[in-house]
Amino acid sequence: MRQVGAGSVEMHTRTEMLDLIVHDGAARGIVVRDLITGDVRSHTAHAVVLATGGYGNVYYLSTNAMACNVTAGWRAHRRGALFANPCYTQIHPTCIPASDEFQSKLTLMSESQRETMGGYGFRKATMKLDWFRTYLKINATTT
């Protein structure tokens, strides 16, 4: 982000990678679609970095953004790119399920409990713990 701030790297938000441009066996650019206007355009470069967020949403409850679904990685793989260490995926299986269909990320349960219980007295913390136990029992029977 320092380079973006310095103006030496341009960041394109709200775009979807459609294809990887390969020339003489090397990645030389990408074809993208602007998700606001629908315009399709290409960007060429000496090197290509896909910073797409990984594929944590292969798991039901993940703290990754909903759009992290390895689409760009798979499109690069179709063009010959190799995956380095694909078995390493950071997930947190203790997420609170989405509260509505427009929620883009799930909340890590331990973080929300720490924030909720911070500053509470013992009685209120015990009440929260009782709620947490009930929540775990309900989830254990539904999964």
Foldseek 3Di string as FASTA:
>chain_A
DVCCVVVNDPDDPQKDWDAFDDDPRATFWTWIARNVPRDIDIDGHPHDDDPQFADQVVDPAFQTFPRRHCPVVVRVVVVPDDDDPNVDDDGQPQWDDDPDPPDGGTHRPVVVLCVVCPPDDPVVNVVVVVVVVVVVVVVVVPD
